[in-house]
Amino acid sequence: MSLLFPQALAALLEKSGESQREFSLAVKFKQPSLAHILRGRRKVPLRQVEKWADHFRLRGERRDRFIMLAHLDHSVSLIRAFVVQEHPELVNEFK
């Protein structure tokens, strides 16, 4: 499983200063499920991603990249590798 989205989410959480619990309560998402996503053990439910982008007040290309990373984590590894190679800015955006 890919860690692209979990790494981006972890970076946003760190930057915001929120704990996993605080974030989970704010976006109404179960904290244990969030922990599994952050560890790469579960894929993010795509229906949640825009709500999470809103929570972090992501706009423009930064928002688009966050959402793309979530979708990319649902794709096959060959596609992920190709996109990351061709668009390293997707990965570097949230480091």
Protein backbone atom coordinates (compact mmCIF):
# COMPACT_ATOMS: atom_id res chain seq x y z
CA MET A 1 0.00 0.00 0.00
CA SER A 2 1.19 3.49 -0.78
CA LEU A 3 2.16 6.00 1.88
CA LEU A 4 1.80 9.07 -0.33
CA PHE A 5 -1.49 10.24 1.14
CA PRO A 6 -0.70 9.24 4.74
CA GLN A 7 2.53 11.26 4.60
CA ALA A 8 0.69 14.29 3.23
CA LEU A 9 -1.99 14.00 5.90
CA ALA A 10 0.61 13.59 8.66
CA ALA A 11 2.44 16.70 7.44
CA LEU A 12 -0.78 18.73 7.48
CA LEU A 13 -1.63 17.50 10.97
CA GLU A 14 1.83 18.39 12.21
CA LYS A 15 1.69 21.83 10.63
CA SER A 16 -1.75 22.50 12.11
CA GLY A 17 -0.66 21.36 15.57
CA GLU A 18 -3.73 19.17 15.87
CA SER A 19 -3.68 15.74 17.41
CA GLN A 20 -5.27 12.80 15.62
CA ARG A 21 -8.06 12.92 18.18
CA GLU A 22 -8.73 16.63 17.65
CA PHE A 23 -8.77 16.22 13.88
CA SER A 24 -11.03 13.17 14.09
CA LEU A 25 -13.53 15.04 16.22
CA ALA A 26 -13.45 18.09 13.95
CA VAL A 27 -14.13 16.11 10.76
CA LYS A 28 -16.37 13.50 12.42
CA PHE A 29 -14.19 10.53 11.51
CA LYS A 30 -13.27 7.66 13.84
CA GLN A 31 -9.81 8.13 15.33
CA PRO A 32 -8.83 4.42 15.10
CA SER A 33 -9.64 4.49 11.37
CA LEU A 34 -7.56 7.64 10.98
CA ALA A 35 -4.64 5.94 12.74
CA HIS A 36 -4.86 3.04 10.27
CA ILE A 37 -4.81 5.49 7.35
CA LEU A 38 -1.78 7.30 8.76
CA ARG A 39 0.06 3.97 9.14
CA GLY A 40 -0.81 2.97 5.58
CA ARG A 41 -2.96 0.05 6.73
CA ARG A 42 -6.15 1.48 5.30
CA LYS A 43 -6.94 3.64 2.31
CA VAL A 44 -8.64 6.95 2.88
CA PRO A 45 -12.35 6.93 2.00
CA LEU A 46 -12.45 9.20 -1.04
CA ARG A 47 -15.77 10.69 0.07
CA GLN A 48 -13.91 12.22 3.05
CA VAL A 49 -11.03 13.89 1.22
CA GLU A 50 -12.70 17.15 0.20
CA LYS A 51 -14.04 17.64 3.72
CA TRP A 52 -10.51 17.15 5.05
CA ALA A 53 -9.11 19.61 2.50
CA ASP A 54 -11.72 22.12 3.68
CA HIS A 55 -10.71 21.53 7.28
CA PHE A 56 -7.06 22.34 6.48
CA ARG A 57 -8.21 25.33 4.39
CA LEU A 58 -6.39 24.04 1.32
CA ARG A 59 -6.98 26.09 -1.81
CA GLY A 60 -6.02 25.98 -5.47
CA GLU A 61 -3.26 23.64 -6.59
CA ARG A 62 -2.41 22.61 -3.04
CA ARG A 63 -5.98 21.38 -2.54
CA ASP A 64 -5.95 19.63 -5.92
CA ARG A 65 -2.70 17.86 -5.08
CA PHE A 66 -4.00 16.69 -1.70
CA ILE A 67 -7.09 15.23 -3.37
CA MET A 68 -5.00 13.70 -6.18
CA LEU A 69 -2.77 11.97 -3.64
CA ALA A 70 -5.81 10.34 -2.08
CA HIS A 71 -6.99 9.11 -5.46
CA LEU A 72 -3.48 8.03 -6.37
CA ASP A 73 -3.33 5.84 -3.25
CA HIS A 74 -6.34 3.97 -4.64
CA SER A 75 -4.60 3.27 -7.95
CA VAL A 76 -2.31 0.37 -8.86
CA SER A 77 1.38 0.66 -8.04
CA LEU A 78 2.46 0.96 -11.69
CA ILE A 79 0.29 4.05 -12.15
CA ARG A 80 1.47 5.53 -8.84
CA ALA A 81 5.11 5.06 -9.81
CA PHE A 82 4.56 6.69 -13.20
CA VAL A 83 2.71 9.70 -11.78
CA VAL A 84 5.27 10.23 -9.02
CA GLN A 85 8.11 10.06 -11.54
CA GLU A 86 6.43 12.50 -13.90
CA HIS A 87 5.06 14.81 -11.21
CA PRO A 88 7.38 14.84 -8.17
CA GLU A 89 5.73 18.06 -7.02
CA LEU A 90 2.76 15.98 -5.88
CA VAL A 91 4.91 14.25 -3.31
CA ASN A 92 7.12 17.20 -2.39
CA GLU A 93 4.20 19.55 -1.79
CA PHE A 94 3.51 18.21 1.70
CA LYS A 95 6.98 17.44 3.03
